[in-house]
Amino acid sequence: MGRLARSLNSLMLIGGVTAVAWNLLLDERAKQSIRGAADQVMNLGSHLLNIYMEPNQMANDEAAAAYNRAWVEQQWREAGY
């Protein structure tokens, strides 16, 4: 039970410090920047999770295949072929 109590106390302390920092130390521009960064991280995380859960999805995606074809053709042109 002691470990659970210490963990809950730590979580409450971190939450309190975060709330104070969010409300007192950050202006609106900083809050918008943090929200935007969090949105980008969440989008990237969900994208990576989708790729991990569906590994063949990337290969079946026509846009990804077209991009890969164009990249390979460019590499061959740069190599002189």
PDB file of N, CA and C in Angstrom:
ATOM      1  N   MET A   1       0.822  -1.200   0.000  1.00  0.00           N
ATOM      2  CA  MET A   1       0.000   0.000   0.000  1.00  0.00           C
ATOM      3  C   MET A   1       0.858   1.252   0.000  1.00  0.00           C
ATOM      4  N   GLY A   2       2.054   1.161   0.580  1.00  0.00           N
ATOM      5  CA  GLY A   2       2.930   2.311   0.641  1.00  0.00           C
ATOM      6  C   GLY A   2       3.389   2.770  -0.737  1.00  0.00           C
ATOM      7  N   ARG A   3       3.614   1.812  -1.624  1.00  0.00           N
ATOM      8  CA  ARG A   3       4.051   2.159  -2.980  1.00  0.00           C
ATOM      9  C   ARG A   3       2.943   2.876  -3.728  1.00  0.00           C
ATOM     10  N   LEU A   4       1.717   2.437  -3.561  1.00  0.00           N
ATOM     11  CA  LEU A   4       0.579   3.078  -4.203  1.00  0.00           C
ATOM     12  C   LEU A   4       0.396   4.505  -3.687  1.00  0.00           C
ATOM     13  N   ALA A   5       0.523   4.678  -2.389  1.00  0.00           N
ATOM     14  CA  ALA A   5       0.383   6.019  -1.798  1.00  0.00           C
ATOM     15  C   ALA A   5       1.476   6.949  -2.298  1.00  0.00           C
ATOM     16  N   ARG A   6       2.707   6.462  -2.387  1.00  0.00           N
ATOM     17  CA  ARG A   6       3.805   7.293  -2.902  1.00  0.00           C
ATOM     18  C   ARG A   6       3.564   7.666  -4.355  1.00  0.00           C
ATOM     19  N   SER A   7       3.071   6.716  -5.136  1.00  0.00           N
ATOM     20  CA  SER A   7       2.798   6.991  -6.549  1.00  0.00           C
ATOM     21  C   SER A   7       1.690   8.027  -6.702  1.00  0.00           C
ATOM     22  N   LEU A   8       0.628   7.889  -5.914  1.00  0.00           N
ATOM     23  CA  LEU A   8      -0.461   8.864  -5.985  1.00  0.00           C
ATOM     24  C   LEU A   8      -0.006  10.251  -5.535  1.00  0.00           C
ATOM     25  N   ASN A   9       0.811  10.299  -4.476  1.00  0.00           N
ATOM     26  CA  ASN A   9       1.352  11.588  -4.020  1.00  0.00           C
ATOM     27  C   ASN A   9       2.216  12.228  -5.105  1.00  0.00           C
ATOM     28  N   SER A  10       3.013  11.429  -5.770  1.00  0.00           N
ATOM     29  CA  SER A  10       3.859  11.948  -6.841  1.00  0.00           C
ATOM     30  C   SER A  10       3.008  12.477  -7.994  1.00  0.00           C
ATOM     31  N   LEU A  11       1.978  11.727  -8.356  1.00  0.00           N
ATOM     32  CA  LEU A  11       1.085  12.176  -9.432  1.00  0.00           C
ATOM     33  C   LEU A  11       0.373  13.473  -9.071  1.00  0.00           C
ATOM     34  N   MET A  12      -0.073  13.595  -7.836  1.00  0.00           N
ATOM     35  CA  MET A  12      -0.740  14.826  -7.404  1.00  0.00           C
ATOM     36  C   MET A  12       0.233  16.000  -7.417  1.00  0.00           C
ATOM     37  N   LEU A  13       1.461  15.772  -6.976  1.00  0.00           N
ATOM     38  CA  LEU A  13       2.475  16.827  -6.981  1.00  0.00           C
ATOM     39  C   LEU A  13       2.779  17.274  -8.414  1.00  0.00           C
ATOM     40  N   ILE A  14       2.969  16.332  -9.313  1.00  0.00           N
ATOM     41  CA  ILE A  14       3.242  16.665 -10.716  1.00  0.00           C
ATOM     42  C   ILE A  14       2.052  17.399 -11.322  1.00  0.00           C
ATOM     43  N   GLY A  15       0.847  16.931 -11.037  1.00  0.00           N
ATOM     44  CA  GLY A  15      -0.355  17.614 -11.541  1.00  0.00           C
ATOM     45  C   GLY A  15      -0.474  19.027 -11.022  1.00  0.00           C
ATOM     46  N   GLY A  16      -0.181  19.228  -9.747  1.00  0.00           N
ATOM     47  CA  GLY A  16      -0.254  20.570  -9.167  1.00  0.00           C
ATOM     48  C   GLY A  16       0.768  21.513  -9.772  1.00  0.00           C
ATOM     49  N   VAL A  17       1.993  21.036  -9.927  1.00  0.00           N
ATOM     50  CA  VAL A  17       3.046  21.869 -10.524  1.00  0.00           C
ATOM     51  C   VAL A  17       2.695  22.189 -11.970  1.00  0.00           C
ATOM     52  N   THR A  18       2.169  21.224 -12.696  1.00  0.00           N
ATOM     53  CA  THR A  18       1.768  21.456 -14.088  1.00  0.00           C
ATOM     54  C   THR A  18       0.648  22.482 -14.164  1.00  0.00           C
ATOM     55  N   ALA A  19      -0.339  22.377 -13.293  1.00  0.00           N
ATOM     56  CA  ALA A  19      -1.450  23.323 -13.293  1.00  0.00           C
ATOM     57  C   ALA A  19      -0.973  24.739 -12.980  1.00  0.00           C
ATOM     58  N   VAL A  20      -0.090  24.868 -12.006  1.00  0.00           N
ATOM     59  CA  VAL A  20       0.434  26.197 -11.661  1.00  0.00           C
ATOM     60  C   VAL A  20       1.232  26.762 -12.827  1.00  0.00           C
ATOM     61  N   ALA A  21       2.090  25.948 -13.427  1.00  0.00           N
ATOM     62  CA  ALA A  21       2.896  26.425 -14.553  1.00  0.00           C
ATOM     63  C   ALA A  21       2.002  26.806 -15.722  1.00  0.00           C
ATOM     64  N   TRP A  22       0.985  25.995 -16.000  1.00  0.00           N
ATOM     65  CA  TRP A  22       0.095  26.260 -17.137  1.00  0.00           C
ATOM     66  C   TRP A  22      -0.675  27.561 -16.933  1.00  0.00           C
ATOM     67  N   ASN A  23      -1.213  27.766 -15.742  1.00  0.00           N
ATOM     68  CA  ASN A  23      -2.079  28.921 -15.503  1.00  0.00           C
ATOM     69  C   ASN A  23      -1.330  30.207 -15.177  1.00  0.00           C
ATOM     70  N   LEU A  24      -0.200  30.111 -14.512  1.00  0.00           N
ATOM     71  CA  LEU A  24       0.481  31.317 -14.055  1.00  0.00           C
ATOM     72  C   LEU A  24       1.693  31.713 -14.897  1.00  0.00           C
ATOM     73  N   LEU A  25       2.394  30.747 -15.448  1.00  0.00           N
ATOM     74  CA  LEU A  25       3.659  31.061 -16.101  1.00  0.00           C
ATOM     75  C   LEU A  25       3.577  31.178 -17.623  1.00  0.00           C
ATOM     76  N   LEU A  26       2.549  30.614 -18.236  1.00  0.00           N
ATOM     77  CA  LEU A  26       2.479  30.613 -19.697  1.00  0.00           C
ATOM     78  C   LEU A  26       1.481  31.637 -20.204  1.00  0.00           C
ATOM     79  N   ASP A  27       1.862  32.347 -21.276  1.00  0.00           N
ATOM     80  CA  ASP A  27       0.903  33.243 -21.922  1.00  0.00           C
ATOM     81  C   ASP A  27       0.127  32.450 -22.976  1.00  0.00           C
ATOM     82  N   GLU A  28      -0.821  33.109 -23.628  1.00  0.00           N
ATOM     83  CA  GLU A  28      -1.702  32.413 -24.569  1.00  0.00           C
ATOM     84  C   GLU A  28      -0.928  31.866 -25.768  1.00  0.00           C
ATOM     85  N   ARG A  29       0.065  32.610 -26.224  1.00  0.00           N
ATOM     86  CA  ARG A  29       0.864  32.137 -27.365  1.00  0.00           C
ATOM     87  C   ARG A  29       1.606  30.845 -27.025  1.00  0.00           C
ATOM     88  N   ALA A  30       2.165  30.770 -25.837  1.00  0.00           N
ATOM     89  CA  ALA A  30       2.881  29.565 -25.408  1.00  0.00           C
ATOM     90  C   ALA A  30       1.918  28.394 -25.262  1.00  0.00           C
ATOM     91  N   LYS A  31       0.724  28.664 -24.750  1.00  0.00           N
ATOM     92  CA  LYS A  31      -0.263  27.593 -24.605  1.00  0.00           C
ATOM     93  C   LYS A  31      -0.676  27.049 -25.972  1.00  0.00           C
ATOM     94  N   GLN A  32      -0.870  27.941 -26.946  1.00  0.00           N
ATOM     95  CA  GLN A  32      -1.224  27.492 -28.294  1.00  0.00           C
ATOM     96  C   GLN A  32      -0.096  26.676 -28.906  1.00  0.00           C
ATOM     97  N   SER A  33       1.138  27.093 -28.670  1.00  0.00           N
ATOM     98  CA  SER A  33       2.286  26.364 -29.187  1.00  0.00           C
ATOM     99  C   SER A  33       2.364  24.961 -28.581  1.00  0.00           C
ATOM    100  N   ILE A  34       2.130  24.853 -27.298  1.00  0.00           N
ATOM    101  CA  ILE A  34       2.162  23.551 -26.633  1.00  0.00           C
ATOM    102  C   ILE A  34       1.023  22.671 -27.135  1.00  0.00           C
ATOM    103  N   ARG A  35      -0.171  23.265 -27.306  1.00  0.00           N
ATOM    104  CA  ARG A  35      -1.299  22.485 -27.840  1.00  0.00           C
ATOM    105  C   ARG A  35      -0.991  21.981 -29.247  1.00  0.00           C
ATOM    106  N   GLY A  36      -0.404  22.844 -30.088  1.00  0.00           N
ATOM    107  CA  GLY A  36      -0.048  22.436 -31.450  1.00  0.00           C
ATOM    108  C   GLY A  36       0.979  21.317 -31.451  1.00  0.00           C
ATOM    109  N   ALA A  37       1.976  21.427 -30.598  1.00  0.00           N
ATOM    110  CA  ALA A  37       2.994  20.378 -30.500  1.00  0.00           C
ATOM    111  C   ALA A  37       2.375  19.072 -30.015  1.00  0.00           C
ATOM    112  N   ALA A  38       1.480  19.152 -29.049  1.00  0.00           N
ATOM    113  CA  ALA A  38       0.817  17.945 -28.546  1.00  0.00           C
ATOM    114  C   ALA A  38      -0.034  17.298 -29.636  1.00  0.00           C
ATOM    115  N   ASP A  39      -0.725  18.114 -30.438  1.00  0.00           N
ATOM    116  CA  ASP A  39      -1.514  17.572 -31.542  1.00  0.00           C
ATOM    117  C   ASP A  39      -0.626  16.854 -32.556  1.00  0.00           C
ATOM    118  N   GLN A  40       0.513  17.459 -32.878  1.00  0.00           N
ATOM    119  CA  GLN A  40       1.433  16.829 -33.822  1.00  0.00           C
ATOM    120  C   GLN A  40       1.971  15.511 -33.283  1.00  0.00           C
ATOM    121  N   VAL A  41       2.304  15.477 -32.000  1.00  0.00           N
ATOM    122  CA  VAL A  41       2.813  14.249 -31.391  1.00  0.00           C
ATOM    123  C   VAL A  41       1.730  13.170 -31.398  1.00  0.00           C
ATOM    124  N   MET A  42       0.494  13.546 -31.093  1.00  0.00           N
ATOM    125  CA  MET A  42      -0.595  12.569 -31.098  1.00  0.00           C
ATOM    126  C   MET A  42      -0.851  12.042 -32.509  1.00  0.00           C
ATOM    127  N   ASN A  43      -0.813  12.934 -33.514  1.00  0.00           N
ATOM    128  CA  ASN A  43      -1.018  12.492 -34.895  1.00  0.00           C
ATOM    129  C   ASN A  43       0.091  11.539 -35.328  1.00  0.00           C
ATOM    130  N   LEU A  44       1.327  11.874 -35.009  1.00  0.00           N
ATOM    131  CA  LEU A  44       2.436  11.001 -35.367  1.00  0.00           C
ATOM    132  C   LEU A  44       2.340   9.664 -34.643  1.00  0.00           C
ATOM    133  N   GLY A  45       1.978   9.706 -33.381  1.00  0.00           N
ATOM    134  CA  GLY A  45       1.826   8.466 -32.625  1.00  0.00           C
ATOM    135  C   GLY A  45       0.740   7.573 -33.193  1.00  0.00           C
ATOM    136  N   SER A  46      -0.388   8.144 -33.560  1.00  0.00           N
ATOM    137  CA  SER A  46      -1.461   7.328 -34.136  1.00  0.00           C
ATOM    138  C   SER A  46      -1.064   6.808 -35.508  1.00  0.00           C
ATOM    139  N   HIS A  47      -0.326   7.622 -36.289  1.00  0.00           N
ATOM    140  CA  HIS A  47       0.149   7.166 -37.596  1.00  0.00           C
ATOM    141  C   HIS A  47       1.102   5.984 -37.436  1.00  0.00           C
ATOM    142  N   LEU A  48       2.045   6.106 -36.501  1.00  0.00           N
ATOM    143  CA  LEU A  48       2.986   5.010 -36.272  1.00  0.00           C
ATOM    144  C   LEU A  48       2.282   3.766 -35.748  1.00  0.00           C
ATOM    145  N   LEU A  49       1.295   3.958 -34.886  1.00  0.00           N
ATOM    146  CA  LEU A  49       0.535   2.819 -34.380  1.00  0.00           C
ATOM    147  C   LEU A  49      -0.225   2.136 -35.503  1.00  0.00           C
ATOM    148  N   ASN A  50      -0.825   2.917 -36.401  1.00  0.00           N
ATOM    149  CA  ASN A  50      -1.538   2.330 -37.537  1.00  0.00           C
ATOM    150  C   ASN A  50      -0.598   1.564 -38.448  1.00  0.00           C
ATOM    151  N   ILE A  51       0.595   2.103 -38.682  1.00  0.00           N
ATOM    152  CA  ILE A  51       1.564   1.396 -39.519  1.00  0.00           C
ATOM    153  C   ILE A  51       2.008   0.111 -38.827  1.00  0.00           C
ATOM    154  N   TYR A  52       2.207   0.174 -37.522  1.00  0.00           N
ATOM    155  CA  TYR A  52       2.630  -1.016 -36.785  1.00  0.00           C
ATOM    156  C   TYR A  52       1.541  -2.083 -36.794  1.00  0.00           C
ATOM    157  N   MET A  53       0.295  -1.661 -36.627  1.00  0.00           N
ATOM    158  CA  MET A  53      -0.798  -2.631 -36.570  1.00  0.00           C
ATOM    159  C   MET A  53      -1.139  -3.180 -37.949  1.00  0.00           C
ATOM    160  N   GLU A  54      -0.928  -2.384 -38.997  1.00  0.00           N
ATOM    161  CA  GLU A  54      -1.212  -2.810 -40.366  1.00  0.00           C
ATOM    162  C   GLU A  54       0.054  -2.654 -41.207  1.00  0.00           C
ATOM    163  N   PRO A  55       1.021  -3.568 -41.084  1.00  0.00           N
ATOM    164  CA  PRO A  55       2.297  -3.370 -41.771  1.00  0.00           C
ATOM    165  C   PRO A  55       2.183  -3.389 -43.283  1.00  0.00           C
ATOM    166  N   ASN A  56       1.178  -4.048 -43.842  1.00  0.00           N
ATOM    167  CA  ASN A  56       1.031  -4.109 -45.292  1.00  0.00           C
ATOM    168  C   ASN A  56       0.281  -2.909 -45.854  1.00  0.00           C
ATOM    169  N   GLN A  57      -0.269  -2.078 -44.989  1.00  0.00           N
ATOM    170  CA  GLN A  57      -1.041  -0.937 -45.442  1.00  0.00           C
ATOM    171  C   GLN A  57      -0.164   0.039 -46.220  1.00  0.00           C
ATOM    172  N   MET A  58       1.048   0.268 -45.778  1.00  0.00           N
ATOM    173  CA  MET A  58       1.936   1.204 -46.457  1.00  0.00           C
ATOM    174  C   MET A  58       2.258   0.703 -47.862  1.00  0.00           C
ATOM    175  N   ALA A  59       2.471  -0.592 -48.018  1.00  0.00           N
ATOM    176  CA  ALA A  59       2.789  -1.144 -49.328  1.00  0.00           C
ATOM    177  C   ALA A  59       1.588  -1.072 -50.263  1.00  0.00           C
ATOM    178  N   ASN A  60       0.396  -1.143 -49.723  1.00  0.00           N
ATOM    179  CA  ASN A  60      -0.801  -1.115 -50.552  1.00  0.00           C
ATOM    180  C   ASN A  60      -1.264   0.297 -50.876  1.00  0.00           C
ATOM    181  N   ASP A  61      -0.738   1.272 -50.212  1.00  0.00           N
ATOM    182  CA  ASP A  61      -1.155   2.647 -50.425  1.00  0.00           C
ATOM    183  C   ASP A  61      -0.585   3.133 -51.760  1.00  0.00           C
ATOM    184  N   GLU A  62      -1.455   3.500 -52.672  1.00  0.00           N
ATOM    185  CA  GLU A  62      -1.032   3.899 -54.015  1.00  0.00           C
ATOM    186  C   GLU A  62      -0.189   5.170 -53.995  1.00  0.00           C
ATOM    187  N   ALA A  63      -0.509   6.109 -53.127  1.00  0.00           N
ATOM    188  CA  ALA A  63       0.273   7.339 -53.047  1.00  0.00           C
ATOM    189  C   ALA A  63       1.694   7.038 -52.584  1.00  0.00           C
ATOM    190  N   ALA A  64       1.838   6.150 -51.623  1.00  0.00           N
ATOM    191  CA  ALA A  64       3.172   5.776 -51.147  1.00  0.00           C
ATOM    192  C   ALA A  64       3.941   5.051 -52.239  1.00  0.00           C
ATOM    193  N   ALA A  65       3.258   4.197 -52.990  1.00  0.00           N
ATOM    194  CA  ALA A  65       3.920   3.481 -54.080  1.00  0.00           C
ATOM    195  C   ALA A  65       4.380   4.447 -55.164  1.00  0.00           C
ATOM    196  N   ALA A  66       3.547   5.436 -55.508  1.00  0.00           N
ATOM    197  CA  ALA A  66       3.931   6.422 -56.522  1.00  0.00           C
ATOM    198  C   ALA A  66       5.124   7.243 -56.050  1.00  0.00           C
ATOM    199  N   TYR A  67       5.128   7.620 -54.790  1.00  0.00           N
ATOM    200  CA  TYR A  67       6.256   8.366 -54.232  1.00  0.00           C
ATOM    201  C   TYR A  67       7.526   7.532 -54.302  1.00  0.00           C
ATOM    202  N   ASN A  68       7.431   6.278 -53.938  1.00  0.00           N
ATOM    203  CA  ASN A  68       8.608   5.404 -53.967  1.00  0.00           C
ATOM    204  C   ASN A  68       9.124   5.213 -55.393  1.00  0.00           C
ATOM    205  N   ARG A  69       8.198   5.057 -56.360  1.00  0.00           N
ATOM    206  CA  ARG A  69       8.615   4.911 -57.753  1.00  0.00           C
ATOM    207  C   ARG A  69       9.358   6.159 -58.230  1.00  0.00           C
ATOM    208  N   ALA A  70       8.804   7.332 -57.913  1.00  0.00           N
ATOM    209  CA  ALA A  70       9.440   8.583 -58.334  1.00  0.00           C
ATOM    210  C   ALA A  70      10.818   8.723 -57.692  1.00  0.00           C
ATOM    211  N   TRP A  71      10.938   8.340 -56.449  1.00  0.00           N
ATOM    212  CA  TRP A  71      12.226   8.450 -55.761  1.00  0.00           C
ATOM    213  C   TRP A  71      13.258   7.524 -56.402  1.00  0.00           C
ATOM    214  N   VAL A  72      12.856   6.295 -56.729  1.00  0.00           N
ATOM    215  CA  VAL A  72      13.782   5.346 -57.352  1.00  0.00           C
ATOM    216  C   VAL A  72      14.205   5.848 -58.730  1.00  0.00           C
ATOM    217  N   GLU A  73      13.258   6.374 -59.504  1.00  0.00           N
ATOM    218  CA  GLU A  73      13.603   6.908 -60.827  1.00  0.00           C
ATOM    219  C   GLU A  73      14.588   8.063 -60.697  1.00  0.00           C
ATOM    220  N   GLN A  74      14.390   8.920 -59.720  1.00  0.00           N
ATOM    221  CA  GLN A  74      15.305  10.038 -59.506  1.00  0.00           C
ATOM    222  C   GLN A  74      16.697   9.532 -59.143  1.00  0.00           C
ATOM    223  N   GLN A  75      16.778   8.523 -58.301  1.00  0.00           N
ATOM    224  CA  GLN A  75      18.073   7.972 -57.920  1.00  0.00           C
ATOM    225  C   GLN A  75      18.798   7.383 -59.123  1.00  0.00           C
ATOM    226  N   TRP A  76      18.067   6.688 -60.011  1.00  0.00           N
ATOM    227  CA  TRP A  76      18.673   6.137 -61.205  1.00  0.00           C
ATOM    228  C   TRP A  76      19.164   7.226 -62.138  1.00  0.00           C
ATOM    229  N   ARG A  77      18.372   8.315 -62.282  1.00  0.00           N
ATOM    230  CA  ARG A  77      18.809   9.440 -63.125  1.00  0.00           C
ATOM    231  C   ARG A  77      20.069  10.082 -62.571  1.00  0.00           C
ATOM    232  N   GLU A  78      20.121  10.270 -61.265  1.00  0.00           N
ATOM    233  CA  GLU A  78      21.294  10.868 -60.651  1.00  0.00           C
ATOM    234  C   GLU A  78      22.528   9.967 -60.772  1.00  0.00           C
ATOM    235  N   ALA A  79      22.301   8.687 -60.865  1.00  0.00           N
ATOM    236  CA  ALA A  79      23.417   7.740 -61.026  1.00  0.00           C
ATOM    237  C   ALA A  79      23.881   7.678 -62.477  1.00  0.00           C
ATOM    238  N   GLY A  80      23.135   8.290 -63.400  1.00  0.00           N
ATOM    239  CA  GLY A  80      23.555   8.335 -64.798  1.00  0.00           C
ATOM    240  C   GLY A  80      22.899   7.313 -65.690  1.00  0.00           C
ATOM    241  N   TYR A  81      21.849   6.691 -65.244  1.00  0.00           N
ATOM    242  CA  TYR A  81      21.160   5.702 -66.082  1.00  0.00           C
ATOM    243  C   TYR A  81      19.889   6.261 -66.658  1.00  0.00           C
TER     244      TYR A  81
END
